[in-house]
């Protein structure tokens, strides 16, 4: 089981942490030096094509007022 940043989160994350450089498609270097990769459902399914995906679910983290803080994927997979 793991979580991954969703491509839907790019707009939120790049506002709060400005990207310095686009390293590759959906892969950024942020102002503080952190690198971050945002993954689409299609790309995750490709990466785990040799695995049995038990669950791949889009998730949303919100604050108490309902403001979206983060979009991410929850994935449960088993190596075949």
Protein backbone atom coordinates (compact mmCIF):
# COMPACT_ATOMS: atom_id res chain seq x y z
CA UNK A 1 0.00 0.00 0.00
CA UNK A 2 1.22 3.48 -0.82
CA UNK A 3 0.05 6.97 -1.63
CA UNK A 4 1.22 9.10 -4.54
CA UNK A 5 0.72 12.72 -5.56
CA UNK A 6 -2.04 13.15 -8.12
CA UNK A 7 -1.69 15.31 -11.21
CA UNK A 8 -4.81 17.07 -9.89
CA UNK A 9 -2.62 18.38 -7.06
CA UNK A 10 -0.21 20.31 -9.31
CA UNK A 11 -2.21 23.55 -9.15
CA UNK A 12 -2.45 23.46 -5.34
CA UNK A 13 1.15 22.46 -4.66
CA UNK A 14 2.80 24.86 -7.10
CA UNK A 15 0.93 27.80 -5.54
CA UNK A 16 2.14 26.97 -2.01
CA UNK A 17 5.64 25.89 -3.12
CA UNK A 18 6.77 27.59 -6.30
CA UNK A 19 8.46 25.31 -8.81
CA UNK A 20 11.96 26.34 -9.83
CA UNK A 21 12.32 23.96 -12.71
CA UNK A 22 10.29 21.41 -14.67
CA UNK A 23 12.54 18.33 -14.69
CA UNK A 24 10.25 16.09 -16.76
CA UNK A 25 6.55 15.67 -17.41
CA UNK A 26 4.79 16.30 -14.06
CA UNK A 27 8.15 16.22 -12.23
CA UNK A 28 9.28 19.47 -10.59
CA UNK A 29 12.08 20.88 -8.51
CA UNK A 30 10.55 23.19 -5.90
CA UNK A 31 12.03 26.37 -4.44
CA UNK A 32 13.29 24.59 -1.30
CA UNK A 33 15.18 21.99 -3.38
CA UNK A 34 12.58 19.24 -2.97
CA UNK A 35 11.66 17.28 -6.08
CA UNK A 36 8.09 16.16 -6.52
CA UNK A 37 6.43 13.89 -9.06
CA UNK A 38 2.70 14.03 -9.78
CA UNK A 39 1.17 10.84 -11.18
CA UNK A 40 -1.88 10.24 -13.34
CA UNK A 41 -4.08 7.15 -13.14
CA UNK A 42 -2.87 6.05 -16.58
CA UNK A 43 0.79 6.37 -15.56
CA UNK A 44 0.26 4.49 -12.28
CA UNK A 45 -1.46 1.65 -14.13
CA UNK A 46 1.47 1.57 -16.57
CA UNK A 47 4.05 1.52 -13.74
CA UNK A 48 2.25 -1.33 -12.02
CA UNK A 49 1.23 -3.26 -15.12
CA UNK A 50 3.11 -6.34 -13.89
CA UNK A 51 1.38 -6.11 -10.51
CA UNK A 52 -2.14 -6.97 -9.44
CA UNK A 53 -3.74 -3.64 -8.53
CA UNK A 54 -6.18 -4.36 -5.74
CA UNK A 55 -7.22 -0.76 -5.22
CA UNK A 56 -6.38 2.50 -6.99
CA UNK A 57 -8.48 5.26 -5.55
CA UNK A 58 -8.33 9.05 -5.92
CA UNK A 59 -8.31 10.73 -2.51
CA UNK A 60 -8.85 14.28 -1.30
CA UNK A 61 -7.52 15.78 1.91
CA UNK A 62 -9.53 18.77 3.14
CA UNK A 63 -9.45 21.04 6.17
CA UNK A 64 -12.37 21.48 8.59
CA UNK A 65 -13.85 24.23 6.39
CA UNK A 66 -13.89 21.91 3.38
CA UNK A 67 -10.98 23.59 1.56
CA UNK A 68 -9.05 21.06 -0.50
CA UNK A 69 -5.48 20.73 0.76
CA UNK A 70 -4.23 17.88 -1.41
CA UNK A 71 -5.25 15.43 -4.13
CA UNK A 72 -3.50 12.06 -4.06
CA UNK A 73 -3.81 8.39 -4.98
CA UNK A 74 -4.22 5.50 -2.57
CA UNK A 75 -2.93 2.30 -4.11
CA UNK A 76 -2.84 -1.27 -2.90
CA UNK A 77 -0.97 -3.63 -5.21
CA UNK A 78 0.48 -7.12 -5.05
CA UNK A 79 3.44 -8.29 -7.10
CA UNK A 80 2.42 -11.22 -9.27
